[in-house]
Amino acid sequence: MMSMKPRTKHILSIALAAAVIAMLLYLDSNKAQYSYSIAILERSAIYAVVAVSMNLLTGFTGLFSLGQAGFMAIGAYTVGILTIPVEARPNVYYINGIAEPLANVNLPFWAALILGGLMAALVGGLIGIPVLRLKSDYLAIATLGFSEIIRALIAAPQLDRITNGSYGLKSIPAFSSILQVFGIAALCILIMILVINSSYGRAFKAIREDETAAEAMGINLFKHKSMSFVISCFFTGISGGLLAVFMRSIDSKTFQVNLTYDILLIVVLGGLGSITGSVLASFLMTAGREWLRFFDVPLVIGGFSVPLFRNGFRMVIFSLILMAVVLYYRKGLMGNKEFSWDGILRFFYRIAGRLRRKTPGNGGEANA
């Protein structure tokens, strides 16, 4: 089996990281020119965090949850409420005002972000007590229901002095740099990788493979399911907080069930049980939607208006591309495998081997 030397792998990894950082620094120093590209990359990094957290739960533990939008809303509103400048709050809570205990509370971004993750984890822990005893589709339906309940509570008039009800939040401070987004996203994903590779991660995988066998080996099913669910909720809340800062204004409609379906699509497209796949799919899916926007613009050729080029046709093309990818890659782009330099090397060797077989004089198809 072909493999690279460990030193070569380290050098390539360092070179790749340096190239990514250099690209981000270049984009950050030319914000005005590349604002659109920066927005796509920031959204992709945020979706990568929530996709990996969903994969931790679904791909590695085997728990099918559809409550991601609700937990993202908790993190987003926590960060939004605690980071809006005090002087800007009268313009945000202009209907009934803000609750007195929150009127002068203003936390640094990092503290509000951690608190948003902890709030999502706390709610997730409480919800997990009744729902984690369910399995498969029943768990998905229950978590989806709780997600909608959370969204309804956020928009409820009774909480408008905290969440501002259906009017939402605005004037949320923006990111200081694209490096801030990617740094937080990379740290979150790294922590989840460490969890997956720990003894707890091995217990999660055992539960996914066979709950009865895992329990026979002494694994406490409810404890480890709850742990996986709470960890997933924590990082989902973190991603929600990042999304609030990215968008700068949010309301309950931002966190509809379609957001959960988008994240699920990223996880399935990348491959269940593959962290690399989730990260790769988040960038490809987010960027793909934006690159296909020219299909939404009417096209006129020689005075003839092409009927298919109109608003909404972009999503038709995008859906067809997704169908083609899923049909060709039945288990997603990465399946349950992760990125490795040895895999890249074997991929190029396979391509080179096919080219040699097709070249005349090498005993390939041309000589047959």
Protein backbone atom coordinates (compact mmCIF):
# COMPACT_ATOMS: atom_id res chain seq x y z
CA MET A 1 0.00 0.00 0.00
CA MET A 2 1.36 3.39 -0.99
CA SER A 3 1.97 5.85 1.82
CA MET A 4 3.95 9.00 2.46
CA LYS A 5 6.56 9.46 5.13
CA PRO A 6 5.25 11.14 8.30
CA ARG A 7 7.64 14.05 7.79
CA THR A 8 6.29 14.64 4.29
CA LYS A 9 2.74 14.63 5.61
CA HIS A 10 3.65 17.21 8.27
CA ILE A 11 5.30 19.46 5.69
CA LEU A 12 2.29 19.24 3.34
CA SER A 13 -0.14 19.94 6.20
CA ILE A 14 1.84 22.99 7.31
CA ALA A 15 2.05 24.22 3.71
CA LEU A 16 -1.71 23.79 3.25
CA ALA A 17 -2.47 25.64 6.49
CA ALA A 18 -0.07 28.44 5.53
CA ALA A 19 -1.71 28.76 2.10
CA VAL A 20 -5.19 29.01 3.66
CA ILE A 21 -4.05 31.61 6.19
CA ALA A 22 -2.28 33.61 3.46
CA MET A 23 -5.46 33.58 1.34
CA LEU A 24 -7.57 34.73 4.29
CA LEU A 25 -5.11 37.50 5.11
CA TYR A 26 -5.18 38.67 1.50
CA LEU A 27 -8.98 38.71 1.44
CA ASP A 28 -9.10 40.50 4.78
CA SER A 29 -6.73 43.20 3.57
CA ASN A 30 -8.94 43.76 0.50
CA LYS A 31 -12.38 43.63 2.13
CA ALA A 32 -13.96 46.20 -0.17
CA GLN A 33 -12.94 44.31 -3.30
CA TYR A 34 -13.76 40.79 -2.07
CA SER A 35 -16.70 41.45 0.28
CA TYR A 36 -18.94 39.00 -1.60
CA SER A 37 -16.36 36.19 -1.50
CA ILE A 38 -15.68 36.88 2.18
CA ALA A 39 -19.41 36.60 2.97
CA ILE A 40 -19.60 33.22 1.19
CA LEU A 41 -16.56 31.89 3.04
CA GLU A 42 -17.77 33.12 6.43
CA ARG A 43 -21.20 31.53 5.98
CA SER A 44 -19.56 28.30 4.81
CA ALA A 45 -17.32 28.17 7.91
CA ILE A 46 -20.34 28.73 10.18
CA TYR A 47 -22.32 25.98 8.44
CA ALA A 48 -19.30 23.69 8.73
CA VAL A 49 -19.45 23.94 12.53
CA VAL A 50 -23.15 23.05 12.76
CA ALA A 51 -22.77 20.33 10.11
CA VAL A 52 -19.95 18.66 12.04
CA SER A 53 -21.98 18.92 15.27
CA MET A 54 -24.94 17.27 13.52
CA ASN A 55 -22.63 14.59 12.11
CA LEU A 56 -21.32 13.95 15.62
CA LEU A 57 -24.86 13.12 16.66
CA THR A 58 -26.21 11.45 13.53
CA GLY A 59 -23.17 10.01 11.79
CA PHE A 60 -21.13 8.91 14.81
CA THR A 61 -23.79 8.16 17.45
CA GLY A 62 -26.68 7.14 15.21
CA LEU A 63 -29.21 9.59 16.70
CA PHE A 64 -31.35 11.27 14.05
CA SER A 65 -32.18 14.76 15.33
CA LEU A 66 -33.86 17.59 13.42
CA GLY A 67 -33.68 20.26 16.10
CA GLN A 68 -30.62 22.14 14.85
CA ALA A 69 -32.49 25.32 13.84
CA GLY A 70 -33.98 25.66 17.33
CA PHE A 71 -30.64 25.31 19.11
CA MET A 72 -29.02 27.71 16.64
CA ALA A 73 -31.77 30.21 17.52
CA ILE A 74 -30.95 29.92 21.23
CA GLY A 75 -27.27 30.61 20.59
CA ALA A 76 -28.03 33.42 18.14
CA TYR A 77 -30.44 35.27 20.43
CA THR A 78 -28.15 34.86 23.45
CA VAL A 79 -25.24 36.40 21.55
CA GLY A 80 -27.42 39.09 19.98
CA ILE A 81 -29.04 40.21 23.25
CA LEU A 82 -25.76 40.32 25.16
CA THR A 83 -23.59 42.04 22.52
CA ILE A 84 -25.86 44.78 21.14
CA PRO A 85 -24.33 48.08 22.34
CA VAL A 86 -26.21 49.59 25.27
CA GLU A 87 -26.65 52.90 23.46
CA ALA A 88 -28.24 51.13 20.46
CA ARG A 89 -30.81 49.16 22.44
CA PRO A 90 -33.52 51.87 22.55
CA ASN A 91 -33.57 51.74 18.74
CA VAL A 92 -33.87 47.94 18.80
CA TYR A 93 -36.43 47.51 21.61
CA TYR A 94 -38.47 50.52 20.51
CA ILE A 95 -41.91 48.98 21.16
CA ASN A 96 -41.94 47.86 24.80
CA GLY A 97 -38.32 48.40 25.79
CA ILE A 98 -35.83 45.87 27.12
CA ALA A 99 -36.15 44.04 30.43
CA GLU A 100 -34.49 45.98 33.25
CA PRO A 101 -32.01 43.20 34.25
CA LEU A 102 -30.65 43.19 30.67
CA ALA A 103 -30.71 46.92 30.03
CA ASN A 104 -27.05 47.55 30.90
CA VAL A 105 -25.62 44.05 30.44
CA ASN A 106 -23.06 43.95 27.64
CA LEU A 107 -20.59 41.09 27.31
CA PRO A 108 -17.53 40.64 25.07
CA PHE A 109 -18.22 38.60 21.96
CA TRP A 110 -16.29 35.53 23.12
CA ALA A 111 -18.09 35.42 26.49
CA ALA A 112 -21.53 35.82 24.87
CA LEU A 113 -20.65 33.10 22.34
CA ILE A 114 -19.69 30.60 25.04
CA LEU A 115 -22.79 31.49 27.02
CA GLY A 116 -24.92 30.97 23.89
CA GLY A 117 -23.44 27.49 23.49
CA LEU A 118 -24.04 26.72 27.17
CA MET A 119 -27.67 27.89 26.96
CA ALA A 120 -28.26 25.65 23.93
CA ALA A 121 -26.57 22.75 25.76
CA LEU A 122 -28.73 23.34 28.86
CA VAL A 123 -31.95 23.34 26.86
CA GLY A 124 -30.68 20.32 24.92
CA GLY A 125 -30.01 18.47 28.16
CA LEU A 126 -33.54 19.16 29.41
CA ILE A 127 -35.11 18.17 26.10
CA GLY A 128 -32.92 15.07 25.91
CA ILE A 129 -34.37 13.59 29.10
CA PRO A 130 -37.69 12.63 27.45
CA VAL A 131 -36.75 12.41 23.75
CA LEU A 132 -33.54 10.37 23.85
CA ARG A 133 -35.51 7.30 24.87
CA LEU A 134 -37.08 7.43 21.42
CA LYS A 135 -35.46 5.96 18.33
CA SER A 136 -35.07 6.73 14.64
CA ASP A 137 -37.96 8.68 13.07
CA TYR A 138 -39.69 9.26 16.41
CA LEU A 139 -36.62 11.06 17.75
CA ALA A 140 -36.41 13.17 14.60
CA ILE A 141 -40.09 14.19 14.86
CA ALA A 142 -39.78 15.00 18.57
CA THR A 143 -36.68 17.18 18.14
CA LEU A 144 -38.26 18.89 15.13
CA GLY A 145 -41.29 19.67 17.28
CA PHE A 146 -39.15 21.10 20.08
CA SER A 147 -37.30 23.22 17.52
CA GLU A 148 -40.55 24.78 16.38
CA ILE A 149 -41.61 25.33 20.02
CA ILE A 150 -38.35 27.20 20.68
CA ARG A 151 -38.91 29.37 17.62
CA ALA A 152 -42.50 30.09 18.67
CA LEU A 153 -41.38 31.08 22.18
CA ILE A 154 -38.79 33.46 20.75
CA ALA A 155 -41.48 35.26 18.75
CA ALA A 156 -44.06 35.20 21.59
CA PRO A 157 -45.31 38.63 22.76
CA GLN A 158 -44.79 37.55 26.38
CA LEU A 159 -41.01 37.53 25.81
CA ASP A 160 -40.76 40.64 23.65
CA ARG A 161 -38.82 42.55 26.34
CA ILE A 162 -36.11 39.89 26.06
CA THR A 163 -36.19 38.65 22.46
CA ASN A 164 -38.03 41.67 21.00
CA GLY A 165 -40.71 39.28 19.76
CA SER A 166 -41.46 39.19 16.05
CA TYR A 167 -39.43 42.37 15.47
CA GLY A 168 -36.16 40.52 15.94
CA LEU A 169 -32.76 41.91 16.83
CA LYS A 170 -30.54 44.26 14.87
CA SER A 171 -27.36 46.32 15.37
CA ILE A 172 -25.42 43.18 16.37
CA PRO A 173 -21.67 43.97 16.12
CA ALA A 174 -19.97 42.41 13.11
CA PHE A 175 -16.86 40.24 12.98
CA SER A 176 -13.61 42.14 13.22
CA SER A 177 -11.94 39.89 10.64
CA ILE A 178 -12.53 36.80 8.53
CA LEU A 179 -9.72 35.20 10.54
CA GLN A 180 -11.93 35.47 13.63
CA VAL A 181 -14.64 33.36 11.99
CA PHE A 182 -12.27 30.72 10.65
CA GLY A 183 -10.30 30.61 13.91
CA ILE A 184 -13.43 29.91 15.99
CA ALA A 185 -14.76 27.41 13.44
CA ALA A 186 -11.43 25.56 13.31
CA LEU A 187 -11.22 25.44 17.12
CA CYS A 188 -14.77 24.08 17.44
CA ILE A 189 -14.19 21.40 14.79
CA LEU A 190 -10.86 20.45 16.38
CA ILE A 191 -12.53 19.96 19.77
CA MET A 192 -15.22 17.77 18.21
CA ILE A 193 -12.54 15.70 16.46
CA LEU A 194 -10.80 15.18 19.81
CA VAL A 195 -14.11 14.08 21.35
CA ILE A 196 -14.77 11.63 18.50
CA ASN A 197 -11.28 10.13 18.84
CA SER A 198 -11.56 9.80 22.62
CA SER A 199 -12.98 6.88 24.61
CA TYR A 200 -16.35 8.66 24.59
CA GLY A 201 -16.23 8.86 20.80
CA ARG A 202 -15.58 5.12 20.60
CA ALA A 203 -18.60 4.56 22.84
CA PHE A 204 -20.68 6.77 20.50
CA LYS A 205 -19.63 4.64 17.53
CA ALA A 206 -20.42 1.43 19.42
CA ILE A 207 -23.95 2.71 20.09
CA ARG A 208 -24.33 3.56 16.41
CA GLU A 209 -23.30 0.08 15.32
CA ASP A 210 -25.36 -1.96 17.79
CA GLU A 211 -27.03 -0.63 20.93
CA THR A 212 -27.59 -4.08 22.41
CA ALA A 213 -23.95 -5.08 21.98
CA ALA A 214 -22.77 -1.71 23.32
CA GLU A 215 -24.92 -2.11 26.43
CA ALA A 216 -23.63 -5.66 26.90
CA MET A 217 -20.08 -4.23 26.89
CA GLY A 218 -20.99 -1.98 29.82
CA ILE A 219 -21.75 1.24 27.96
CA ASN A 220 -24.47 3.30 29.63
CA LEU A 221 -26.70 4.07 26.64
CA PHE A 222 -28.68 6.98 28.08
CA LYS A 223 -25.58 8.63 29.57
CA HIS A 224 -23.61 8.52 26.34
CA LYS A 225 -26.57 9.48 24.16
CA SER A 226 -27.21 12.46 26.43
CA MET A 227 -23.54 13.40 26.30
CA SER A 228 -23.47 13.28 22.50
CA PHE A 229 -26.72 15.26 22.30
CA VAL A 230 -25.55 17.98 24.71
CA ILE A 231 -22.16 18.34 22.99
CA SER A 232 -23.89 18.62 19.64
CA CYS A 233 -26.31 21.22 21.03
CA PHE A 234 -23.43 23.24 22.49
CA PHE A 235 -21.61 23.59 19.18
CA THR A 236 -24.91 24.13 17.35
CA GLY A 237 -25.53 27.05 19.71
CA ILE A 238 -22.02 28.35 18.97
CA SER A 239 -22.74 28.24 15.25
CA GLY A 240 -26.04 30.08 15.85
CA GLY A 241 -24.16 32.82 17.67
CA LEU A 242 -21.71 33.08 14.79
CA LEU A 243 -24.60 33.28 12.32
CA ALA A 244 -26.18 36.14 14.31
CA VAL A 245 -22.93 38.13 14.18
CA PHE A 246 -22.54 37.34 10.48
CA MET A 247 -26.07 38.49 9.62
CA ARG A 248 -26.09 41.38 12.17
CA SER A 249 -29.90 41.22 12.34
CA ILE A 250 -32.05 38.17 13.09
CA ASP A 251 -35.64 37.22 13.79
CA SER A 252 -37.53 33.99 14.41
CA LYS A 253 -38.01 33.42 10.67
CA THR A 254 -34.24 33.10 10.27
CA PHE A 255 -34.40 29.75 12.06
CA GLN A 256 -37.18 27.96 10.25
CA VAL A 257 -37.09 24.22 9.63
CA ASN A 258 -35.57 24.81 6.18
CA LEU A 259 -32.32 25.73 7.92
CA THR A 260 -32.21 22.28 9.55
CA TYR A 261 -32.87 20.62 6.19
CA ASP A 262 -29.98 22.58 4.65
CA ILE A 263 -27.63 21.36 7.38
CA LEU A 264 -28.89 17.79 6.97
CA LEU A 265 -28.27 18.04 3.23
CA ILE A 266 -24.69 19.15 3.89
CA VAL A 267 -24.11 16.19 6.23
CA VAL A 268 -25.57 13.65 3.78
CA LEU A 269 -23.74 15.19 0.83
CA GLY A 270 -20.42 15.10 2.66
CA GLY A 271 -20.94 11.62 4.08
CA LEU A 272 -22.32 10.35 7.38
CA GLY A 273 -19.43 9.71 9.73
CA SER A 274 -16.95 11.98 7.92
CA ILE A 275 -15.82 15.27 9.49
CA THR A 276 -13.88 16.17 6.36
CA GLY A 277 -16.94 15.47 4.24
CA SER A 278 -19.12 17.82 6.31
CA VAL A 279 -16.59 20.64 6.05
CA LEU A 280 -16.07 20.12 2.32
CA ALA A 281 -19.81 19.88 1.60
CA SER A 282 -20.58 23.06 3.57
CA PHE A 283 -18.22 25.08 1.37
CA LEU A 284 -19.32 23.44 -1.87
CA MET A 285 -23.04 23.78 -1.15
CA THR A 286 -22.89 27.38 0.07
CA ALA A 287 -20.65 28.51 -2.76
CA GLY A 288 -22.59 26.50 -5.35
CA ARG A 289 -25.82 28.29 -4.55
CA GLU A 290 -24.14 31.64 -5.04
CA TRP A 291 -22.21 30.74 -8.20
CA LEU A 292 -25.43 29.64 -9.92
CA ARG A 293 -27.19 32.98 -9.40
CA PHE A 294 -26.74 33.91 -13.06
CA PHE A 295 -29.56 31.43 -13.84
CA ASP A 296 -31.92 33.78 -11.98
CA VAL A 297 -31.15 36.63 -14.38
CA PRO A 298 -33.25 36.79 -17.61
CA LEU A 299 -31.17 35.88 -20.69
CA VAL A 300 -31.85 37.46 -24.08
CA ILE A 301 -30.11 36.11 -27.20
CA GLY A 302 -30.74 37.96 -30.45
CA GLY A 303 -33.94 39.45 -29.16
CA PHE A 304 -35.20 36.04 -27.97
CA SER A 305 -35.76 35.68 -24.25
CA VAL A 306 -34.68 32.27 -22.99
CA PRO A 307 -37.68 31.11 -20.89
CA LEU A 308 -35.74 29.01 -18.38
CA PHE A 309 -33.52 31.86 -17.18
CA ARG A 310 -35.72 33.49 -14.55
CA ASN A 311 -35.98 33.95 -10.81
CA GLY A 312 -35.88 30.60 -9.02
CA PHE A 313 -34.35 28.57 -11.86
CA ARG A 314 -31.04 28.59 -10.00
CA MET A 315 -32.45 26.22 -7.36
CA VAL A 316 -33.72 23.86 -10.07
CA ILE A 317 -30.20 23.55 -11.50
CA PHE A 318 -28.74 23.27 -8.01
CA SER A 319 -31.17 20.45 -7.14
CA LEU A 320 -30.32 18.57 -10.34
CA ILE A 321 -26.60 18.83 -9.56
CA LEU A 322 -27.21 17.52 -6.02
CA MET A 323 -29.24 14.60 -7.39
CA ALA A 324 -26.43 13.72 -9.80
CA VAL A 325 -23.83 13.86 -7.02
CA VAL A 326 -25.92 11.71 -4.66
CA LEU A 327 -26.61 9.15 -7.39
CA TYR A 328 -22.91 8.88 -8.24
CA TYR A 329 -21.64 9.09 -4.64
CA ARG A 330 -24.17 6.89 -2.82
CA LYS A 331 -22.51 7.44 0.57
CA GLY A 332 -21.65 11.10 0.03
CA LEU A 333 -18.50 12.74 -1.26
CA MET A 334 -16.28 11.22 1.43
CA GLY A 335 -18.44 8.32 2.62
CA ASN A 336 -17.24 7.55 6.13
CA LYS A 337 -13.61 8.31 5.31
CA GLU A 338 -11.50 11.32 6.22
CA PHE A 339 -9.03 13.39 4.24
CA SER A 340 -5.50 11.98 4.22
CA TRP A 341 -2.40 12.64 2.17
CA ASP A 342 -2.07 8.89 1.54
CA GLY A 343 -5.57 8.93 0.06
CA ILE A 344 -4.63 11.84 -2.23
CA LEU A 345 -1.50 9.95 -3.33
CA ARG A 346 -3.46 6.79 -4.10
CA PHE A 347 -6.06 8.84 -6.01
CA PHE A 348 -3.44 10.30 -8.35
CA TYR A 349 -1.76 6.91 -8.78
CA ARG A 350 -5.09 5.40 -9.84
CA ILE A 351 -5.60 8.17 -12.40
CA ALA A 352 -2.06 7.72 -13.72
CA GLY A 353 -2.61 3.96 -13.96
CA ARG A 354 -5.79 4.40 -15.98
CA LEU A 355 -4.06 6.82 -18.33
CA ARG A 356 -1.18 4.37 -18.86
CA ARG A 357 -3.60 1.55 -19.67
CA LYS A 358 -5.29 3.70 -22.29
CA THR A 359 -2.03 4.85 -23.87
CA PRO A 360 -1.08 2.98 -27.12
CA GLY A 361 1.95 0.73 -26.71
CA ASN A 362 1.28 -0.10 -23.05
CA GLY A 363 -0.83 -3.17 -23.66
CA GLY A 364 -3.98 -1.26 -22.81
CA GLU A 365 -7.26 -0.84 -24.57
CA ALA A 366 -5.63 0.68 -27.65
CA ASN A 367 -3.70 -2.57 -28.31
CA ALA A 368 -6.60 -4.86 -27.60
